[in-house]
Amino acid sequence: MRDRLERELLELVRGLKDYLRWEEGNGLPGLPLAMEEETDPSPPPDLAAVRQWIGDCRRCKLWSGRKHIVFGSGPEKAKLVLVGEGPGAEEDEIGEPFVGKAGQLLTKMLAAIGLEREQVYICNLIKCRPPHNRNPQPDEIEACKPYLLAQLRALSPRLICALGTFAAQNLLQTSAPISRLRGRFHCFQGIPLLATYHPAYLLRNPEEKRKAWEDMKMLKEEYDRISDPSRIP
């Protein structure tokens, strides 16, 4: 029991160090890492290394109820990354993000602006399904955040879309509601980030689809701009 706790504590410390390196590498102040172990891994260079780093993660309590770690899907050189909240039942069963009803709606939202799923990378704030699809808890988000940051660093996207409250608030480090965050671009580590409603929310609140459509049109306009250098002022 003690050995297991020590291993989990060491994993948490290493995750924090990787997170601080990511922050420092993007011009933000960090904490001194002079006491790090020589065996501490350097930031993962690609998605395969990030997935290997995650391994059979047990950094939070969600591991005990999961079937699969839902890492992400899409091309490593995707210009656009979509970040959702967490896996649902179907995602946990298959091991792929956004494959249920919300995922089907997301596919339609992308198609409506002329994008296919195969063109974008899709992942989530947390990699394991919360019981009964409840909201992710702060300790679960913090345990998984180094993984998401490493993913984004490996992907180096030109554009990010945060789907829903939890993804937007945590990436932007704010408590503002999604209704205030949507409809405009923010900046995440120098990358344009647009927040919009999560597809699952739109299924429950179809009256908000009009606002989401406006967001998606903004997203496509920016996507086209970064894809065509001649359009950059």
C-alpha atoms as a PDB file:
ATOM      1  CA  MET A   1       0.000   0.000   0.000  1.00  0.00           C
ATOM      2  CA  ARG A   2       2.773   2.418   0.960  1.00  0.00           C
ATOM      3  CA  ASP A   3       4.746   1.614  -2.205  1.00  0.00           C
ATOM      4  CA  ARG A   4       1.704   2.299  -4.356  1.00  0.00           C
ATOM      5  CA  LEU A   5       1.070   5.654  -2.679  1.00  0.00           C
ATOM      6  CA  GLU A   6       4.713   6.612  -3.125  1.00  0.00           C
ATOM      7  CA  ARG A   7       4.559   5.763  -6.830  1.00  0.00           C
ATOM      8  CA  GLU A   8       1.389   7.812  -7.284  1.00  0.00           C
ATOM      9  CA  LEU A   9       2.938  10.756  -5.431  1.00  0.00           C
ATOM     10  CA  LEU A  10       6.023  10.576  -7.655  1.00  0.00           C
ATOM     11  CA  GLU A  11       3.809  10.554 -10.755  1.00  0.00           C
ATOM     12  CA  LEU A  12       1.976  13.647  -9.525  1.00  0.00           C
ATOM     13  CA  VAL A  13       5.253  15.466  -8.883  1.00  0.00           C
ATOM     14  CA  ARG A  14       6.534  14.588 -12.343  1.00  0.00           C
ATOM     15  CA  GLY A  15       3.268  15.754 -13.896  1.00  0.00           C
ATOM     16  CA  LEU A  16       3.548  19.075 -12.083  1.00  0.00           C
ATOM     17  CA  LYS A  17       7.119  19.511 -13.280  1.00  0.00           C
ATOM     18  CA  ASP A  18       6.124  18.871 -16.894  1.00  0.00           C
ATOM     19  CA  TYR A  19       3.302  21.368 -16.514  1.00  0.00           C
ATOM     20  CA  LEU A  20       5.706  24.007 -15.151  1.00  0.00           C
ATOM     21  CA  ARG A  21       8.133  23.405 -17.982  1.00  0.00           C
ATOM     22  CA  TRP A  22       5.286  23.932 -20.429  1.00  0.00           C
ATOM     23  CA  GLU A  23       4.360  27.218 -18.748  1.00  0.00           C
ATOM     24  CA  GLU A  24       7.970  28.429 -18.597  1.00  0.00           C
ATOM     25  CA  GLY A  25       8.577  27.479 -22.198  1.00  0.00           C
ATOM     26  CA  ASN A  26       5.807  29.851 -23.183  1.00  0.00           C
ATOM     27  CA  GLY A  27       7.093  32.874 -21.293  1.00  0.00           C
ATOM     28  CA  LEU A  28       5.242  32.445 -18.030  1.00  0.00           C
ATOM     29  CA  PRO A  29       6.956  32.383 -14.642  1.00  0.00           C
ATOM     30  CA  GLY A  30       7.351  28.983 -13.051  1.00  0.00           C
ATOM     31  CA  LEU A  31       8.819  27.446  -9.946  1.00  0.00           C
ATOM     32  CA  PRO A  32      12.459  26.406  -9.603  1.00  0.00           C
ATOM     33  CA  LEU A  33      13.074  22.833 -10.671  1.00  0.00           C
ATOM     34  CA  ALA A  34      16.645  22.552  -9.433  1.00  0.00           C
ATOM     35  CA  MET A  35      15.756  19.608  -7.211  1.00  0.00           C
ATOM     36  CA  GLU A  36      14.319  17.467  -9.997  1.00  0.00           C
ATOM     37  CA  GLU A  37      15.641  13.952 -10.433  1.00  0.00           C
ATOM     38  CA  GLU A  38      18.042  13.239 -13.285  1.00  0.00           C
ATOM     39  CA  THR A  39      15.675  10.498 -14.475  1.00  0.00           C
ATOM     40  CA  ASP A  40      12.749  12.924 -14.764  1.00  0.00           C
ATOM     41  CA  PRO A  41      11.551  12.760 -18.389  1.00  0.00           C
ATOM     42  CA  SER A  42      11.780  15.775 -20.663  1.00  0.00           C
ATOM     43  CA  PRO A  43       8.571  17.113 -22.240  1.00  0.00           C
ATOM     44  CA  PRO A  44       7.108  14.563 -24.661  1.00  0.00           C
ATOM     45  CA  PRO A  45       8.105  15.334 -28.267  1.00  0.00           C
ATOM     46  CA  ASP A  46       5.129  13.745 -30.028  1.00  0.00           C
ATOM     47  CA  LEU A  47       1.700  12.239 -29.419  1.00  0.00           C
ATOM     48  CA  ALA A  48       3.004   8.685 -29.265  1.00  0.00           C
ATOM     49  CA  ALA A  49       5.351   9.680 -26.455  1.00  0.00           C
ATOM     50  CA  VAL A  50       2.540  11.470 -24.623  1.00  0.00           C
ATOM     51  CA  ARG A  51       0.351   8.371 -24.834  1.00  0.00           C
ATOM     52  CA  GLN A  52       3.205   6.214 -23.598  1.00  0.00           C
ATOM     53  CA  TRP A  53       3.769   8.655 -20.735  1.00  0.00           C
ATOM     54  CA  ILE A  54       0.124   8.343 -19.688  1.00  0.00           C
ATOM     55  CA  GLY A  55       0.405   4.577 -19.595  1.00  0.00           C
ATOM     56  CA  ASP A  56      -2.188   2.927 -17.348  1.00  0.00           C
ATOM     57  CA  CYS A  57      -2.790   6.169 -15.470  1.00  0.00           C
ATOM     58  CA  ARG A  58      -4.028   5.994 -11.887  1.00  0.00           C
ATOM     59  CA  ARG A  59      -3.434   9.591 -10.824  1.00  0.00           C
ATOM     60  CA  CYS A  60      -7.065  10.106  -9.828  1.00  0.00           C
ATOM     61  CA  LYS A  61      -9.979   7.968  -8.721  1.00  0.00           C
ATOM     62  CA  LEU A  62     -11.529   7.733 -12.188  1.00  0.00           C
ATOM     63  CA  TRP A  63      -9.208   4.915 -13.230  1.00  0.00           C
ATOM     64  CA  SER A  64     -11.140   2.375 -11.168  1.00  0.00           C
ATOM     65  CA  GLY A  65     -14.332   2.706 -13.202  1.00  0.00           C
ATOM     66  CA  ARG A  66     -13.023   3.196 -16.715  1.00  0.00           C
ATOM     67  CA  LYS A  67     -12.835   0.717 -19.568  1.00  0.00           C
ATOM     68  CA  HIS A  68     -10.497   2.766 -21.729  1.00  0.00           C
ATOM     69  CA  ILE A  69      -8.334   5.854 -21.483  1.00  0.00           C
ATOM     70  CA  VAL A  70      -9.773   8.094 -24.197  1.00  0.00           C
ATOM     71  CA  PHE A  71      -6.671   9.838 -25.465  1.00  0.00           C
ATOM     72  CA  GLY A  72      -7.752  11.644 -28.621  1.00  0.00           C
ATOM     73  CA  SER A  73      -8.077  11.191 -32.360  1.00  0.00           C
ATOM     74  CA  GLY A  74      -7.055  12.988 -35.507  1.00  0.00           C
ATOM     75  CA  PRO A  75      -3.950  13.935 -37.469  1.00  0.00           C
ATOM     76  CA  GLU A  76      -0.894  15.024 -35.516  1.00  0.00           C
ATOM     77  CA  LYS A  77      -0.393  17.942 -37.918  1.00  0.00           C
ATOM     78  CA  ALA A  78      -3.961  19.218 -37.585  1.00  0.00           C
ATOM     79  CA  LYS A  79      -4.244  22.997 -37.617  1.00  0.00           C
ATOM     80  CA  LEU A  80      -7.361  22.900 -35.438  1.00  0.00           C
ATOM     81  CA  VAL A  81      -7.739  21.109 -32.100  1.00  0.00           C
ATOM     82  CA  LEU A  82     -11.127  20.731 -30.427  1.00  0.00           C
ATOM     83  CA  VAL A  83     -11.083  20.178 -26.667  1.00  0.00           C
ATOM     84  CA  GLY A  84     -14.158  18.786 -24.961  1.00  0.00           C
ATOM     85  CA  GLU A  85     -14.930  17.894 -21.356  1.00  0.00           C
ATOM     86  CA  GLY A  86     -14.576  14.156 -20.863  1.00  0.00           C
ATOM     87  CA  PRO A  87     -15.595  10.773 -22.282  1.00  0.00           C
ATOM     88  CA  GLY A  88     -19.138   9.479 -22.053  1.00  0.00           C
ATOM     89  CA  ALA A  89     -20.310   5.882 -21.941  1.00  0.00           C
ATOM     90  CA  GLU A  90     -19.853   5.188 -25.656  1.00  0.00           C
ATOM     91  CA  GLU A  91     -16.465   6.884 -25.723  1.00  0.00           C
ATOM     92  CA  ASP A  92     -15.349   4.827 -22.727  1.00  0.00           C
ATOM     93  CA  GLU A  93     -16.560   1.655 -24.424  1.00  0.00           C
ATOM     94  CA  ILE A  94     -14.759   2.305 -27.711  1.00  0.00           C
ATOM     95  CA  GLY A  95     -11.803   4.374 -26.527  1.00  0.00           C
ATOM     96  CA  GLU A  96     -12.420   7.245 -28.985  1.00  0.00           C
ATOM     97  CA  PRO A  97     -13.647  10.788 -28.233  1.00  0.00           C
ATOM     98  CA  PHE A  98     -17.023  12.130 -29.380  1.00  0.00           C
ATOM     99  CA  VAL A  99     -18.531   8.980 -30.880  1.00  0.00           C
ATOM    100  CA  GLY A 100     -21.949   9.184 -29.180  1.00  0.00           C
ATOM    101  CA  LYS A 101     -24.871  11.494 -29.941  1.00  0.00           C
ATOM    102  CA  ALA A 102     -22.862  14.592 -29.004  1.00  0.00           C
ATOM    103  CA  GLY A 103     -20.095  13.401 -31.301  1.00  0.00           C
ATOM    104  CA  GLN A 104     -22.528  12.919 -34.160  1.00  0.00           C
ATOM    105  CA  LEU A 105     -23.730  16.483 -33.682  1.00  0.00           C
ATOM    106  CA  LEU A 106     -20.135  17.713 -33.589  1.00  0.00           C
ATOM    107  CA  THR A 107     -19.466  15.966 -36.900  1.00  0.00           C
ATOM    108  CA  LYS A 108     -22.479  17.757 -38.389  1.00  0.00           C
ATOM    109  CA  MET A 109     -21.311  21.104 -36.964  1.00  0.00           C
ATOM    110  CA  LEU A 110     -17.925  20.643 -38.593  1.00  0.00           C
ATOM    111  CA  ALA A 111     -19.498  19.564 -41.882  1.00  0.00           C
ATOM    112  CA  ALA A 112     -21.684  22.666 -41.857  1.00  0.00           C
ATOM    113  CA  ILE A 113     -18.551  24.831 -42.069  1.00  0.00           C
ATOM    114  CA  GLY A 114     -16.857  22.621 -44.633  1.00  0.00           C
ATOM    115  CA  LEU A 115     -14.582  20.612 -42.340  1.00  0.00           C
ATOM    116  CA  GLU A 116     -14.329  16.856 -41.900  1.00  0.00           C
ATOM    117  CA  ARG A 117     -13.441  15.155 -38.635  1.00  0.00           C
ATOM    118  CA  GLU A 118     -10.368  13.715 -40.300  1.00  0.00           C
ATOM    119  CA  GLN A 119      -8.998  17.262 -40.698  1.00  0.00           C
ATOM    120  CA  VAL A 120      -9.053  18.141 -36.998  1.00  0.00           C
ATOM    121  CA  TYR A 121      -7.734  16.682 -33.766  1.00  0.00           C
ATOM    122  CA  ILE A 122     -10.281  15.994 -31.019  1.00  0.00           C
ATOM    123  CA  CYS A 123      -9.517  15.363 -27.354  1.00  0.00           C
ATOM    124  CA  ASN A 124     -10.893  16.071 -23.896  1.00  0.00           C
ATOM    125  CA  LEU A 125      -9.943  17.878 -20.732  1.00  0.00           C
ATOM    126  CA  ILE A 126      -9.949  14.567 -18.854  1.00  0.00           C
ATOM    127  CA  LYS A 127      -9.226  11.151 -20.335  1.00  0.00           C
ATOM    128  CA  CYS A 128     -11.449   8.878 -18.210  1.00  0.00           C
ATOM    129  CA  ARG A 129     -15.212   8.813 -17.922  1.00  0.00           C
ATOM    130  CA  PRO A 130     -16.687  10.209 -14.686  1.00  0.00           C
ATOM    131  CA  PRO A 131     -19.356   7.956 -13.134  1.00  0.00           C
ATOM    132  CA  HIS A 132     -22.806   8.509 -14.642  1.00  0.00           C
ATOM    133  CA  ASN A 133     -21.299  11.259 -16.842  1.00  0.00           C
ATOM    134  CA  ARG A 134     -21.166  13.679 -13.919  1.00  0.00           C
ATOM    135  CA  ASN A 135     -19.090  16.855 -14.134  1.00  0.00           C
ATOM    136  CA  PRO A 136     -15.341  16.370 -13.665  1.00  0.00           C
ATOM    137  CA  GLN A 137     -14.130  17.315 -10.203  1.00  0.00           C
ATOM    138  CA  PRO A 138     -11.239  19.733  -9.551  1.00  0.00           C
ATOM    139  CA  ASP A 139      -8.796  17.039  -8.436  1.00  0.00           C
ATOM    140  CA  GLU A 140      -9.561  14.979 -11.537  1.00  0.00           C
ATOM    141  CA  ILE A 141      -8.983  17.962 -13.798  1.00  0.00           C
ATOM    142  CA  GLU A 142      -5.698  18.834 -12.100  1.00  0.00           C
ATOM    143  CA  ALA A 143      -4.474  15.238 -12.315  1.00  0.00           C
ATOM    144  CA  CYS A 144      -5.174  15.121 -16.055  1.00  0.00           C
ATOM    145  CA  LYS A 145      -4.160  18.660 -17.000  1.00  0.00           C
ATOM    146  CA  PRO A 146      -0.453  17.853 -17.573  1.00  0.00           C
ATOM    147  CA  TYR A 147      -1.561  15.292 -20.163  1.00  0.00           C
ATOM    148  CA  LEU A 148      -3.682  17.814 -22.057  1.00  0.00           C
ATOM    149  CA  LEU A 149      -0.920  20.418 -21.974  1.00  0.00           C
ATOM    150  CA  ALA A 150       1.555  17.851 -23.281  1.00  0.00           C
ATOM    151  CA  GLN A 151      -0.888  16.895 -26.035  1.00  0.00           C
ATOM    152  CA  LEU A 152      -1.293  20.493 -27.112  1.00  0.00           C
ATOM    153  CA  ARG A 153       2.435  21.031 -27.045  1.00  0.00           C
ATOM    154  CA  ALA A 154       3.013  17.965 -29.222  1.00  0.00           C
ATOM    155  CA  LEU A 155       0.288  19.037 -31.653  1.00  0.00           C
ATOM    156  CA  SER A 156       1.346  22.720 -31.886  1.00  0.00           C
ATOM    157  CA  PRO A 157      -2.049  23.700 -33.352  1.00  0.00           C
ATOM    158  CA  ARG A 158      -2.713  27.001 -35.058  1.00  0.00           C
ATOM    159  CA  LEU A 159      -6.237  27.187 -33.627  1.00  0.00           C
ATOM    160  CA  ILE A 160      -8.145  25.744 -30.642  1.00  0.00           C
ATOM    161  CA  CYS A 161     -11.876  25.404 -30.031  1.00  0.00           C
ATOM    162  CA  ALA A 162     -12.943  24.778 -26.429  1.00  0.00           C
ATOM    163  CA  LEU A 163     -16.237  22.903 -26.291  1.00  0.00           C
ATOM    164  CA  GLY A 164     -18.198  23.754 -23.172  1.00  0.00           C
ATOM    165  CA  THR A 165     -17.724  25.338 -19.786  1.00  0.00           C
ATOM    166  CA  PHE A 166     -15.065  23.086 -18.285  1.00  0.00           C
ATOM    167  CA  ALA A 167     -12.734  23.075 -21.278  1.00  0.00           C
ATOM    168  CA  ALA A 168     -13.028  26.843 -21.750  1.00  0.00           C
ATOM    169  CA  GLN A 169     -12.661  27.780 -18.087  1.00  0.00           C
ATOM    170  CA  ASN A 170      -9.667  25.542 -17.494  1.00  0.00           C
ATOM    171  CA  LEU A 171      -7.765  26.435 -20.640  1.00  0.00           C
ATOM    172  CA  LEU A 172      -8.381  30.150 -20.080  1.00  0.00           C
ATOM    173  CA  GLN A 173      -7.994  30.004 -16.284  1.00  0.00           C
ATOM    174  CA  THR A 174     -11.231  31.848 -15.619  1.00  0.00           C
ATOM    175  CA  SER A 175     -14.503  31.296 -13.798  1.00  0.00           C
ATOM    176  CA  ALA A 176     -16.534  33.220 -16.366  1.00  0.00           C
ATOM    177  CA  PRO A 177     -19.551  31.311 -17.713  1.00  0.00           C
ATOM    178  CA  ILE A 178     -19.473  29.922 -21.231  1.00  0.00           C
ATOM    179  CA  SER A 179     -22.195  32.398 -22.217  1.00  0.00           C
ATOM    180  CA  ARG A 180     -19.664  35.199 -21.665  1.00  0.00           C
ATOM    181  CA  LEU A 181     -16.662  33.378 -23.090  1.00  0.00           C
ATOM    182  CA  ARG A 182     -18.231  32.343 -26.396  1.00  0.00           C
ATOM    183  CA  GLY A 183     -18.571  34.590 -29.398  1.00  0.00           C
ATOM    184  CA  ARG A 184     -14.999  35.932 -29.459  1.00  0.00           C
ATOM    185  CA  PHE A 185     -11.429  34.775 -29.658  1.00  0.00           C
ATOM    186  CA  HIS A 186      -9.152  34.466 -26.650  1.00  0.00           C
ATOM    187  CA  CYS A 187      -5.459  33.614 -26.471  1.00  0.00           C
ATOM    188  CA  PHE A 188      -4.030  30.372 -25.089  1.00  0.00           C
ATOM    189  CA  GLN A 189      -0.237  30.203 -25.067  1.00  0.00           C
ATOM    190  CA  GLY A 190      -0.181  32.467 -28.116  1.00  0.00           C
ATOM    191  CA  ILE A 191      -2.802  30.369 -29.951  1.00  0.00           C
ATOM    192  CA  PRO A 192      -6.237  31.792 -30.886  1.00  0.00           C
ATOM    193  CA  LEU A 193      -8.918  30.006 -28.881  1.00  0.00           C
ATOM    194  CA  LEU A 194     -12.638  30.163 -29.514  1.00  0.00           C
ATOM    195  CA  ALA A 195     -15.052  28.874 -26.878  1.00  0.00           C
ATOM    196  CA  THR A 196     -18.502  27.601 -27.751  1.00  0.00           C
ATOM    197  CA  TYR A 197     -21.238  25.412 -26.319  1.00  0.00           C
ATOM    198  CA  HIS A 198     -20.609  21.695 -25.905  1.00  0.00           C
ATOM    199  CA  PRO A 199     -22.605  19.573 -28.370  1.00  0.00           C
ATOM    200  CA  ALA A 200     -24.186  17.674 -25.449  1.00  0.00           C
ATOM    201  CA  TYR A 201     -25.490  20.982 -24.106  1.00  0.00           C
ATOM    202  CA  LEU A 202     -26.915  21.817 -27.528  1.00  0.00           C
ATOM    203  CA  LEU A 203     -28.775  18.509 -27.593  1.00  0.00           C
ATOM    204  CA  ARG A 204     -30.444  19.487 -24.329  1.00  0.00           C
ATOM    205  CA  ASN A 205     -30.893  23.145 -25.329  1.00  0.00           C
ATOM    206  CA  PRO A 206     -31.531  23.266 -29.085  1.00  0.00           C
ATOM    207  CA  GLU A 207     -32.528  26.929 -28.841  1.00  0.00           C
ATOM    208  CA  GLU A 208     -28.825  27.751 -28.375  1.00  0.00           C
ATOM    209  CA  LYS A 209     -27.800  26.173 -31.693  1.00  0.00           C
ATOM    210  CA  ARG A 210     -28.093  29.539 -33.448  1.00  0.00           C
ATOM    211  CA  LYS A 211     -25.392  31.007 -31.200  1.00  0.00           C
ATOM    212  CA  ALA A 212     -23.216  27.955 -31.701  1.00  0.00           C
ATOM    213  CA  TRP A 213     -23.619  28.348 -35.466  1.00  0.00           C
ATOM    214  CA  GLU A 214     -22.343  31.924 -35.217  1.00  0.00           C
ATOM    215  CA  ASP A 215     -19.340  30.633 -33.277  1.00  0.00           C
ATOM    216  CA  MET A 216     -18.642  27.954 -35.866  1.00  0.00           C
ATOM    217  CA  LYS A 217     -18.694  30.500 -38.675  1.00  0.00           C
ATOM    218  CA  MET A 218     -16.130  32.562 -36.762  1.00  0.00           C
ATOM    219  CA  LEU A 219     -14.038  29.426 -36.288  1.00  0.00           C
ATOM    220  CA  LYS A 220     -14.092  28.646 -40.021  1.00  0.00           C
ATOM    221  CA  GLU A 221     -13.171  32.199 -40.954  1.00  0.00           C
ATOM    222  CA  GLU A 222     -10.105  32.027 -38.694  1.00  0.00           C
ATOM    223  CA  TYR A 223      -9.289  28.517 -39.930  1.00  0.00           C
ATOM    224  CA  ASP A 224      -9.320  29.753 -43.522  1.00  0.00           C
ATOM    225  CA  ARG A 225      -7.175  32.728 -42.569  1.00  0.00           C
ATOM    226  CA  ILE A 226      -4.422  30.651 -40.977  1.00  0.00           C
ATOM    227  CA  SER A 227      -4.614  28.093 -43.792  1.00  0.00           C
ATOM    228  CA  ASP A 228      -4.013  30.691 -46.494  1.00  0.00           C
ATOM    229  CA  PRO A 229      -0.983  32.905 -45.745  1.00  0.00           C
ATOM    230  CA  SER A 230      -2.073  35.384 -48.420  1.00  0.00           C
ATOM    231  CA  ARG A 231      -5.104  36.228 -46.268  1.00  0.00           C
ATOM    232  CA  ILE A 232      -3.025  37.163 -43.225  1.00  0.00           C
ATOM    233  CA  PRO A 233      -2.791  40.967 -42.993  1.00  0.00           C
END
